[in-house]
Structure formats: C-alpha cells, structure tokens
Amino acid sequence: MTEQAGGSRISRGRPVAEQPRRVVASYSSYRDAERAVDFLSDRRFPVQQVAIVGRDLQTVEQVTGRMGYGRAALNAGATGAVLGLLFGWLFGLFNWVDPLVTSLTLALYGLLWGAVVGALLGLVLHALSGGRRDFASVGGVRATRYELMVDDEVADEAARILSQQSASA
C-alpha cells in the first residue's frame, strides 16, 4: 500500500477509502520514528494503519570537492568504462560460435572504448560549462521532523502503547 501526494492510499492498484488520521507522536529523526513503529509492531499493533510522515522538507546539497578537468574526465571515464563493459559483454553473449571468449573480448574492448569516450565527453562537457559549476556535490531531501500518523479508529491505542515506550526509556 502506498500513499499518493494527494493523500489517497492505493492498495495493489485500487484506491482504498481514506481513513481520517491523527498524529500520535513526533520525532526529530527518522530512526526514532522507525523505532516507535517497531515498538508498536512488537506489541501486535496493526502497523498497516500507521504512516511516518516527514514534515518541513529541506533540500540539502553536500559539496564533495572541486571539479576540475582531471576529475571530470575521471568520473565520466569511469561511467563510460562500466557502460562499455556491460554493452560489450551483452553483445558478446549473442555470438553462437564461441560466446565466452567473444563476450570477454568484447567486454574488454567495451571497457577501454567506454573509458576513452567517457573521458573525452567529460572533458568537453566540463569545458562547455564555462566554470559555472566547478564543484561536485551530492543532493538529497531531509525532513526536520517525522510524525507518526495513525488511523483515527486505533490512534488512542497507539498513543497508549507509545507512552509505555517513553516510560521504559
């Protein structure tokens, strides 16, 4: 079962009647929210009626270093080598006479040509960027808090069970 952006839930391709939900707990980390759901599950609570909802989403881009011509060529060359290896191996499998030798040979040639072509493309694309983005980064989305939302019909029971968790901690 998945929850769509509009709020309606889908179960195996069929919409399910929307249940009113309410927040029974709020956590500052996803790990704490997971622990709470695990605690509910350990006490035989029907966890299919629980959702962890991230609130106040933030886009985070962690800069990992400078992007010069050498790094651009190396990154693109590595990607090209992997793609070349994969395509060379796949094309080699279709040779009916001697598939093992052919696939290994084509995989090696694909690796080499992919690395060369990838490195050249990386250099050209970095040069065409004109210095507008001379750094490498990894992006992601993070929530500032995570709410445990439970179907209204069982929310009181979930709150009661979770109060036991906080008392034992």
Protein backbone atom coordinates (compact mmCIF):
# COMPACT_ATOMS: atom_id res chain seq x y z
CA MET A 1 0.00 0.00 0.00
CA THR A 2 1.38 3.39 -0.93
CA GLU A 3 0.26 6.89 -0.15
CA GLN A 4 -0.09 9.30 -3.06
CA ALA A 5 0.72 13.00 -2.90
CA GLY A 6 -2.97 13.88 -2.88
CA GLY A 7 -3.50 11.84 0.29
CA SER A 8 -5.40 8.88 -1.14
CA ARG A 9 -3.95 5.46 -0.48
CA ILE A 10 -3.58 2.73 -3.09
CA SER A 11 -3.56 -1.00 -2.39
CA ARG A 12 -2.45 -3.14 -5.34
CA GLY A 13 -3.65 -0.59 -7.88
CA ARG A 14 -7.06 0.01 -6.29
CA PRO A 15 -7.92 3.12 -4.27
CA VAL A 16 -8.82 2.48 -0.63
CA ALA A 17 -11.32 4.62 1.26
CA GLU A 18 -9.36 7.35 3.05
CA GLN A 19 -9.32 6.92 6.81
CA PRO A 20 -9.08 10.02 8.95
CA ARG A 21 -5.68 10.06 10.64
CA ARG A 22 -4.16 11.93 13.50
CA VAL A 23 -0.67 12.50 14.82
CA VAL A 24 0.14 10.39 17.88
CA ALA A 25 3.85 11.20 18.16
CA SER A 26 6.51 13.43 16.63
CA TYR A 27 10.24 12.67 16.37
CA SER A 28 13.29 14.65 15.37
CA SER A 29 14.89 11.74 13.48
CA TYR A 30 13.60 9.07 11.12
CA ARG A 31 15.40 6.42 13.15
CA ASP A 32 13.35 7.33 16.25
CA ALA A 33 10.13 7.14 14.22
CA GLU A 34 11.16 3.71 12.93
CA ARG A 35 11.84 2.56 16.48
CA ALA A 36 8.37 3.69 17.53
CA VAL A 37 6.73 1.72 14.69
CA ASP A 38 8.88 -1.29 15.59
CA PHE A 39 7.77 -0.93 19.22
CA LEU A 40 4.12 -0.89 18.07
CA SER A 41 4.73 -3.94 15.88
CA ASP A 42 6.34 -5.86 18.76
CA ARG A 43 3.14 -5.30 20.74
CA ARG A 44 0.96 -6.68 17.90
CA PHE A 45 -0.42 -3.28 16.94
CA PRO A 46 -1.82 -3.23 13.35
CA VAL A 47 1.08 -1.26 11.85
CA GLN A 48 -0.56 -1.20 8.40
CA GLN A 49 -2.62 1.64 9.87
CA VAL A 50 0.49 3.73 10.65
CA ALA A 51 2.34 6.20 8.44
CA ILE A 52 5.63 8.02 9.05
CA VAL A 53 5.25 11.49 7.55
CA GLY A 54 8.25 13.79 7.10
CA ARG A 55 7.46 17.46 7.70
CA ASP A 56 9.29 20.67 6.78
CA LEU A 57 11.31 19.15 3.94
CA GLN A 58 14.65 20.71 3.05
CA THR A 59 16.81 20.18 0.01
CA VAL A 60 20.40 19.58 1.07
CA GLU A 61 23.34 19.60 -1.32
CA GLN A 62 26.62 18.49 0.21
CA VAL A 63 29.64 19.74 -1.74
CA THR A 64 32.15 16.90 -2.03
CA GLY A 65 35.03 18.74 -3.69
CA ARG A 66 36.33 20.76 -6.60
CA MET A 67 35.54 19.69 -10.16
CA GLY A 68 38.50 20.27 -12.42
CA TYR A 69 39.29 18.84 -15.84
CA GLY A 70 41.02 15.80 -14.36
CA ARG A 71 38.15 14.88 -12.04
CA ALA A 72 35.56 15.48 -14.79
CA ALA A 73 37.48 13.17 -17.13
CA LEU A 74 37.97 10.54 -14.42
CA ASN A 75 34.29 10.48 -13.34
CA ALA A 76 32.95 10.36 -16.89
CA GLY A 77 35.63 7.84 -17.92
CA ALA A 78 34.66 5.51 -15.09
CA THR A 79 30.98 5.74 -16.05
CA GLY A 80 31.83 5.14 -19.71
CA ALA A 81 34.01 2.14 -18.79
CA VAL A 82 31.22 0.49 -16.84
CA LEU A 83 28.68 1.09 -19.61
CA GLY A 84 31.14 -0.11 -22.27
CA LEU A 85 31.90 -3.24 -20.25
CA LEU A 86 28.21 -4.01 -19.87
CA PHE A 87 27.31 -3.44 -23.51
CA GLY A 88 30.37 -5.33 -24.78
CA TRP A 89 29.54 -8.31 -22.60
CA LEU A 90 25.88 -8.28 -23.67
CA PHE A 91 26.73 -8.09 -27.37
CA GLY A 92 29.29 -10.86 -26.92
CA LEU A 93 26.67 -13.19 -25.47
CA PHE A 94 24.82 -13.26 -28.80
CA ASN A 95 27.71 -14.87 -30.66
CA TRP A 96 26.68 -18.51 -31.04
CA VAL A 97 30.11 -19.90 -32.07
CA ASP A 98 32.23 -19.10 -29.04
CA PRO A 99 30.19 -16.94 -26.66
CA LEU A 100 32.55 -16.98 -23.65
CA VAL A 101 35.64 -15.81 -25.50
CA THR A 102 33.67 -13.34 -27.61
CA SER A 103 31.81 -11.85 -24.64
CA LEU A 104 35.02 -11.42 -22.64
CA THR A 105 36.84 -9.88 -25.60
CA LEU A 106 34.00 -7.51 -26.42
CA ALA A 107 33.62 -6.64 -22.74
CA LEU A 108 37.31 -5.69 -22.57
CA TYR A 109 37.08 -3.61 -25.74
CA GLY A 110 33.88 -2.03 -24.44
CA LEU A 111 35.61 -1.17 -21.18
CA LEU A 112 38.52 0.52 -22.95
CA TRP A 113 36.47 2.38 -25.55
CA GLY A 114 33.88 3.37 -22.98
CA ALA A 115 36.57 4.81 -20.72
CA VAL A 116 38.15 6.79 -23.57
CA VAL A 117 34.87 8.11 -24.98
CA GLY A 118 33.53 8.86 -21.49
CA ALA A 119 36.68 10.77 -20.50
CA LEU A 120 36.58 12.81 -23.70
CA LEU A 121 32.90 13.62 -23.22
CA GLY A 122 33.58 14.57 -19.60
CA LEU A 123 36.32 16.96 -20.67
CA VAL A 124 34.21 18.54 -23.40
CA LEU A 125 31.15 18.96 -21.20
CA HIS A 126 33.21 20.43 -18.36
CA ALA A 127 34.84 22.88 -20.77
CA LEU A 128 31.41 23.85 -22.15
CA SER A 129 30.11 24.61 -18.64
CA GLY A 130 32.33 27.69 -18.67
CA GLY A 131 33.22 27.44 -14.98
CA ARG A 132 29.63 27.84 -13.82
CA ARG A 133 29.77 24.72 -11.66
CA ASP A 134 33.33 23.89 -10.68
CA PHE A 135 32.39 21.60 -7.82
CA ALA A 136 30.95 18.13 -7.27
CA SER A 137 28.08 17.52 -4.88
CA VAL A 138 25.54 15.00 -3.65
CA GLY A 139 21.96 16.14 -3.16
CA GLY A 140 19.13 14.88 -1.03
CA VAL A 141 15.92 15.75 0.78
CA ARG A 142 15.67 15.82 4.56
CA ALA A 143 12.77 16.42 6.93
CA THR A 144 13.14 18.39 10.14
CA ARG A 145 10.64 16.21 12.00
CA TYR A 146 8.78 12.94 11.48
CA GLU A 147 5.22 12.44 12.63
CA LEU A 148 3.57 9.11 13.35
CA MET A 149 0.11 9.32 11.87
CA VAL A 150 -2.35 6.58 12.80
CA ASP A 151 -5.87 5.84 11.58
CA ASP A 152 -8.27 7.58 13.92
CA GLU A 153 -10.01 4.35 14.98
CA VAL A 154 -6.84 2.97 16.62
CA ALA A 155 -4.98 6.20 17.46
CA ASP A 156 -5.79 6.09 21.18
CA GLU A 157 -4.39 2.57 21.46
CA ALA A 158 -1.21 3.61 19.60
CA ALA A 159 -0.74 6.59 21.90
CA ARG A 160 -1.19 4.36 24.95
CA ILE A 161 1.39 1.83 23.70
CA LEU A 162 3.87 4.57 22.79
CA SER A 163 3.53 6.09 26.26
CA GLN A 164 4.84 2.74 27.58
CA GLN A 165 7.87 3.13 25.33
CA SER A 166 8.72 6.57 26.70
CA ALA A 167 8.20 5.35 30.26
CA SER A 168 10.61 2.43 29.76
CA ALA A 169 13.28 4.58 28.08
